[in-house]
Amino acid sequence: MFENGRLWASVRVGFGAVAALGLFGGLGVGCDEQADPSYRGESLVTVTGRVESALSVGDVEVGILWLTTESGGGCSEDFAVECTAALTVANEPSACVDACGELSPSCENAEAWEACVDACPDVTSLELNAKPPICITGGVGQTTPALGEFPAQFSLDILEPPPAEALIGSTSGERLAYGLFVALDPAGAPWRIDLTLLPAFPPWLLGGSESHVLLYAPDGIPEGSTYAEALGFTLPPGYQLMENFVEQTDGEEISELRPVLPGEASQVRLTIADPSTLEWLVP
């Protein structure tokens, strides 16, 4: 969830942990089918979706809110991963744990260290977390034609890359843009949000998706890179649709983002609702 302009995630090394879903159903949105221009250019990626509404609104467009960051004030423009661990042992100090050495703050030995500590017979619990020291301070909206029987069903053709300011670099050199599917008031252009002003959301933000996000890596995310370590997977250059999967584990609801593989059917659910009531899938 958005909070005070700082969007942190404490995640187990692998897929990023995200907020649980809180979907709203109900009322329809009174909008006509959006027009299909005769030629819109070559689509870089196409996603399909449907709208669920808890509010009745006027004009609405589907868009992407690309998150942005600024340096200064304790924020970093580059994405990095810092590993921390919380463990409980039956008797302290543990000679077995001590023999595993220190966990690298940069997560370089995280997998081997976790395996070593987890094998210690006196360790009763172990949680390995990666916390990205980056501060998301804003976002910029980007609209694109929504085709089909909008808002009931729509197909979204994304015709251009995200703005350059949305490409967040990492300590290993790769760049990644993180986009939230949103419902926008077309009269609110240029759709910029200052997250330091929250919980006051801008009036042009009419809702968003609690089911999917969109990633864009112009050069890809290679194995061994900082983003690959944080995400738990690599990416080819271009766009990647991500879906939020929710599972019940030991009575606890756990959510994680997973890539939607080519050929998989996965519809974006876009909720028209007060933005403060949504569980935003933020990094």
Protein backbone atom coordinates (compact mmCIF):
# COMPACT_ATOMS: atom_id res chain seq x y z
CA MET A 1 0.00 0.00 0.00
CA PHE A 2 1.12 3.57 -0.61
CA GLU A 3 2.46 5.02 2.64
CA ASN A 4 4.10 8.40 3.19
CA GLY A 5 5.83 8.37 -0.17
CA ARG A 6 8.05 5.46 0.84
CA LEU A 7 7.23 2.12 -0.70
CA TRP A 8 9.12 -0.67 1.03
CA ALA A 9 8.79 -4.41 0.69
CA SER A 10 10.29 -6.95 3.04
CA VAL A 11 10.50 -10.03 0.86
CA ARG A 12 11.94 -13.50 1.00
CA VAL A 13 14.67 -13.87 -1.60
CA GLY A 14 12.74 -14.95 -4.70
CA PHE A 15 9.39 -13.53 -5.70
CA GLY A 16 8.53 -10.18 -4.15
CA ALA A 17 5.88 -10.13 -1.43
CA VAL A 18 2.95 -7.85 -2.24
CA ALA A 19 -0.22 -6.72 -0.56
CA ALA A 20 -3.19 -9.08 -0.36
CA LEU A 21 -6.13 -8.59 -2.72
CA GLY A 22 -9.21 -6.70 -1.63
CA LEU A 23 -11.45 -6.65 -4.71
CA PHE A 24 -14.61 -4.65 -4.98
CA GLY A 25 -17.54 -5.83 -7.10
CA GLY A 26 -20.87 -4.34 -7.96
CA LEU A 27 -21.96 -1.32 -9.96
CA GLY A 28 -21.20 -0.86 -13.64
CA VAL A 29 -19.52 2.20 -15.12
CA GLY A 30 -21.52 4.32 -17.54
CA CYS A 31 -19.11 4.67 -20.46
CA ASP A 32 -19.44 3.98 -24.16
CA GLU A 33 -17.19 1.64 -26.09
CA GLN A 34 -13.90 3.37 -26.75
CA ALA A 35 -13.16 4.17 -30.36
CA ASP A 36 -10.57 2.27 -32.35
CA PRO A 37 -8.43 4.69 -34.41
CA SER A 38 -7.76 3.50 -37.95
CA TYR A 39 -4.06 3.04 -37.27
CA ARG A 40 -2.36 3.25 -33.91
CA GLY A 41 1.06 1.85 -34.65
CA GLU A 42 2.61 -1.48 -33.79
CA SER A 43 1.71 -2.80 -30.36
CA LEU A 44 4.61 -3.56 -28.02
CA VAL A 45 2.37 -5.61 -25.74
CA THR A 46 -1.36 -6.36 -25.53
CA VAL A 47 -3.25 -7.22 -22.35
CA THR A 48 -6.92 -8.00 -21.81
CA GLY A 49 -9.02 -7.06 -18.83
CA ARG A 50 -12.34 -6.23 -17.26
CA VAL A 51 -13.59 -3.48 -14.98
CA GLU A 52 -15.18 -3.93 -11.58
CA SER A 53 -16.70 -0.87 -9.96
CA ALA A 54 -17.70 0.26 -6.51
CA LEU A 55 -18.31 3.80 -7.77
CA SER A 56 -20.26 5.39 -10.60
CA VAL A 57 -18.02 7.77 -12.53
CA GLY A 58 -18.08 9.74 -15.74
CA ASP A 59 -15.34 9.67 -18.35
CA VAL A 60 -12.64 7.13 -17.58
CA GLU A 61 -9.61 5.81 -19.44
CA VAL A 62 -7.31 2.88 -18.77
CA GLY A 63 -3.70 3.77 -18.22
CA ILE A 64 -0.39 2.80 -16.66
CA LEU A 65 1.00 4.67 -13.66
CA TRP A 66 4.77 4.31 -13.91
CA LEU A 67 6.51 4.73 -10.56
CA THR A 68 9.42 7.15 -10.31
CA THR A 69 12.11 7.93 -7.75
CA GLU A 70 14.34 10.84 -6.86
CA SER A 71 17.65 10.96 -5.02
CA GLY A 72 18.15 12.87 -1.80
CA GLY A 73 16.37 12.78 1.52
CA GLY A 74 17.62 9.27 2.26
CA CYS A 75 16.38 7.96 -1.10
CA SER A 76 18.46 6.20 -3.73
CA GLU A 77 17.94 6.33 -7.48
CA ASP A 78 19.51 2.90 -7.90
CA PHE A 79 17.90 -0.36 -6.88
CA ALA A 80 19.94 -2.56 -4.57
CA VAL A 81 19.10 -5.45 -2.29
CA GLU A 82 20.11 -5.71 1.36
CA CYS A 83 19.69 -9.10 3.03
CA THR A 84 18.77 -9.55 6.66
CA ALA A 85 17.83 -12.66 8.60
CA ALA A 86 15.85 -13.47 11.71
CA LEU A 87 16.47 -16.85 13.31
CA THR A 88 15.73 -18.60 16.56
CA VAL A 89 17.95 -21.31 18.03
CA ALA A 90 17.28 -23.68 20.91
CA ASN A 91 20.50 -22.75 22.69
CA GLU A 92 22.61 -19.66 22.10
CA PRO A 93 25.27 -19.28 20.99
CA SER A 94 25.00 -21.89 18.25
CA ALA A 95 28.29 -23.37 17.10
CA CYS A 96 26.57 -24.68 13.97
CA VAL A 97 25.22 -21.26 12.99
CA ASP A 98 28.55 -19.61 13.73
CA ALA A 99 30.26 -22.11 11.44
CA CYS A 100 28.05 -20.92 8.54
CA GLY A 101 29.69 -17.51 8.67
CA GLU A 102 28.07 -14.13 8.19
CA LEU A 103 25.20 -13.36 5.82
CA SER A 104 26.39 -10.91 3.19
CA PRO A 105 24.39 -7.64 3.39
CA SER A 106 24.42 -7.55 -0.43
CA CYS A 107 22.90 -11.07 -0.57
CA GLU A 108 25.86 -12.54 -2.47
CA ASN A 109 25.96 -15.68 -0.30
CA ALA A 110 22.26 -15.72 0.66
CA GLU A 111 21.37 -19.09 -0.89
CA ALA A 112 24.39 -20.96 0.52
CA TRP A 113 24.10 -19.27 3.92
CA GLU A 114 20.39 -20.08 4.21
CA ALA A 115 20.98 -23.74 3.29
CA CYS A 116 23.76 -24.01 5.86
CA VAL A 117 21.81 -22.42 8.71
CA ASP A 118 18.62 -24.30 7.83
CA ALA A 119 20.53 -27.58 8.24
CA CYS A 120 21.55 -26.76 11.81
CA PRO A 121 19.62 -29.04 14.18
CA ASP A 122 19.30 -26.37 16.87
CA VAL A 123 17.69 -23.77 14.56
CA THR A 124 13.94 -23.67 15.24
CA SER A 125 12.96 -20.85 12.86
CA LEU A 126 14.62 -18.96 10.03
CA GLU A 127 13.41 -16.05 7.90
CA LEU A 128 15.59 -14.55 5.20
CA ASN A 129 14.48 -11.18 3.87
CA ALA A 130 15.65 -8.81 1.17
CA LYS A 131 14.79 -5.16 1.54
CA PRO A 132 15.32 -2.84 -1.42
CA PRO A 133 16.77 0.49 -0.22
CA ILE A 134 14.95 2.64 -2.75
CA CYS A 135 12.38 5.34 -2.23
CA ILE A 136 9.56 5.67 -4.74
CA THR A 137 8.48 9.30 -4.57
CA GLY A 138 6.11 9.74 -7.48
CA GLY A 139 4.47 8.42 -10.59
CA VAL A 140 3.56 9.49 -14.09
CA GLY A 141 0.48 8.27 -15.93
CA GLN A 142 0.47 7.04 -19.50
CA THR A 143 -2.77 6.30 -21.37
CA THR A 144 -3.26 3.97 -24.28
CA PRO A 145 -6.30 3.00 -26.36
CA ALA A 146 -8.64 0.49 -24.71
CA LEU A 147 -10.55 -1.52 -27.27
CA GLY A 148 -13.58 -3.79 -27.01
CA GLU A 149 -16.72 -3.36 -24.94
CA PHE A 150 -15.12 -1.02 -22.45
CA PRO A 151 -15.50 -1.03 -19.50
CA ALA A 152 -16.99 -4.53 -19.23
CA GLN A 153 -14.17 -6.08 -21.27
CA PHE A 154 -11.21 -4.39 -22.87
CA SER A 155 -8.02 -5.06 -24.76
CA LEU A 156 -5.15 -2.72 -24.04
CA ASP A 157 -2.53 -2.13 -26.73
CA ILE A 158 0.62 -0.47 -25.40
CA LEU A 159 2.26 1.31 -28.28
CA GLU A 160 5.32 2.95 -26.73
CA PRO A 161 7.84 2.38 -23.93
CA PRO A 162 7.40 4.09 -20.57
CA PRO A 163 8.93 7.56 -20.08
CA ALA A 164 12.65 7.63 -19.40
CA GLU A 165 12.13 8.91 -15.85
CA ALA A 166 10.36 5.64 -14.98
CA LEU A 167 13.42 3.51 -15.76
CA ILE A 168 15.01 2.79 -12.38
CA GLY A 169 18.60 1.59 -12.55
CA SER A 170 20.27 -0.95 -10.31
CA THR A 171 23.67 -1.40 -8.77
CA SER A 172 24.48 -4.00 -11.44
CA GLY A 173 23.48 -1.78 -14.36
CA GLU A 174 20.12 -3.09 -15.59
CA ARG A 175 17.05 -0.84 -15.74
CA LEU A 176 13.44 -1.63 -14.91
CA ALA A 177 10.16 0.27 -15.00
CA TYR A 178 7.30 -0.74 -12.71
CA GLY A 179 3.78 0.10 -13.86
CA LEU A 180 0.43 -0.02 -12.09
CA PHE A 181 -2.74 -0.47 -14.13
CA VAL A 182 -5.00 2.47 -13.28
CA ALA A 183 -8.28 4.13 -14.21
CA LEU A 184 -7.77 7.79 -15.11
CA ASP A 185 -9.93 10.84 -15.65
CA PRO A 186 -8.86 12.07 -19.12
CA ALA A 187 -9.29 15.67 -17.94
CA GLY A 188 -6.55 15.19 -15.34
CA ALA A 189 -3.60 15.14 -17.78
CA PRO A 190 -0.60 15.06 -17.41
CA TRP A 191 -1.45 12.56 -14.61
CA ARG A 192 1.43 13.12 -12.21
CA ILE A 193 1.30 12.01 -8.60
CA ASP A 194 3.47 13.14 -5.71
CA LEU A 195 3.54 10.27 -3.22
CA THR A 196 4.88 12.50 -0.48
CA LEU A 197 1.42 14.09 -0.33
CA LEU A 198 -0.40 10.85 0.45
CA PRO A 199 -2.90 9.90 1.77
CA ALA A 200 -4.35 12.69 -0.40
CA PHE A 201 -4.77 11.09 -3.84
CA PRO A 202 -5.22 13.28 -6.93
CA PRO A 203 -8.83 13.52 -8.18
CA TRP A 204 -7.92 12.12 -11.61
CA LEU A 205 -6.98 8.72 -10.12
CA LEU A 206 -10.26 6.77 -10.25
CA GLY A 207 -9.02 3.30 -9.33
CA GLY A 208 -6.49 0.62 -10.13
CA SER A 209 -5.69 -3.05 -10.44
CA GLU A 210 -5.12 -5.34 -7.48
CA SER A 211 -4.45 -8.31 -9.76
CA HIS A 212 -1.62 -7.37 -12.15
CA VAL A 213 1.32 -5.04 -12.72
CA LEU A 214 3.47 -4.41 -15.77
CA LEU A 215 7.26 -4.51 -15.89
CA TYR A 216 9.44 -3.10 -18.64
CA ALA A 217 13.15 -3.87 -19.01
CA PRO A 218 14.62 -2.28 -22.15
CA ASP A 219 17.75 -4.43 -22.01
CA GLY A 220 16.33 -7.41 -20.13
CA ILE A 221 17.08 -8.69 -16.64
CA PRO A 222 19.97 -11.19 -16.86
CA GLU A 223 20.79 -13.98 -14.45
CA GLY A 224 22.88 -12.85 -11.50
CA SER A 225 21.78 -9.21 -11.77
CA THR A 226 20.44 -7.22 -8.85
CA TYR A 227 16.88 -7.22 -10.13
CA ALA A 228 17.01 -10.95 -10.92
CA GLU A 229 18.05 -11.66 -7.34
CA ALA A 230 15.19 -9.54 -6.02
CA LEU A 231 12.51 -10.82 -8.41
CA GLY A 232 13.59 -14.44 -8.43
CA PHE A 233 13.56 -14.71 -12.23
CA THR A 234 15.17 -13.26 -15.35
CA LEU A 235 13.40 -11.27 -18.08
CA PRO A 236 14.02 -10.84 -21.81
CA PRO A 237 14.06 -7.27 -23.15
CA GLY A 238 10.65 -5.64 -23.33
CA TYR A 239 7.43 -5.95 -21.36
CA GLN A 240 6.37 -8.59 -18.82
CA LEU A 241 2.86 -8.90 -17.40
CA MET A 242 2.88 -9.97 -13.75
CA GLU A 243 -0.04 -11.54 -11.87
CA ASN A 244 -0.61 -11.51 -8.12
CA PHE A 245 -1.07 -15.03 -6.73
CA VAL A 246 -2.58 -15.45 -3.28
CA GLU A 247 -2.12 -18.64 -1.27
CA GLN A 248 -3.06 -19.75 2.22
CA THR A 249 -0.07 -21.10 4.16
CA ASP A 250 -0.50 -22.18 7.77
CA GLY A 251 -3.55 -19.97 8.08
CA GLU A 252 -1.69 -16.95 6.72
CA GLU A 253 -2.44 -15.28 3.39
CA ILE A 254 0.72 -15.01 1.30
CA SER A 255 0.89 -13.06 -1.95
CA GLU A 256 3.56 -13.07 -4.63
CA LEU A 257 4.00 -11.72 -8.12
CA ARG A 258 4.58 -14.26 -10.86
CA PRO A 259 5.23 -13.72 -14.58
CA VAL A 260 2.36 -14.48 -16.93
CA LEU A 261 3.96 -16.87 -19.41
CA PRO A 262 3.33 -16.65 -23.17
CA GLY A 263 0.05 -18.29 -24.10
CA GLU A 264 -1.40 -18.13 -20.58
CA ALA A 265 -4.87 -16.61 -20.21
CA SER A 266 -4.75 -13.90 -17.55
CA GLN A 267 -7.13 -10.96 -17.38
CA VAL A 268 -6.29 -7.69 -15.64
CA ARG A 269 -8.99 -6.75 -13.13
CA LEU A 270 -9.36 -2.99 -12.89
CA THR A 271 -11.35 -1.68 -9.92
CA ILE A 272 -13.06 1.70 -9.99
CA ALA A 273 -12.97 2.74 -6.34
CA ASP A 274 -11.56 5.21 -3.85
CA PRO A 275 -7.76 4.76 -4.31
CA SER A 276 -7.23 4.74 -0.54
CA THR A 277 -9.30 1.55 -0.26
CA LEU A 278 -7.23 -0.45 -2.75
CA GLU A 279 -4.35 -2.81 -2.00
CA TRP A 280 -1.81 -1.44 -4.46
CA LEU A 281 0.81 -3.91 -5.70
CA VAL A 282 3.78 -1.68 -5.03
CA PRO A 283 7.44 -2.78 -4.82
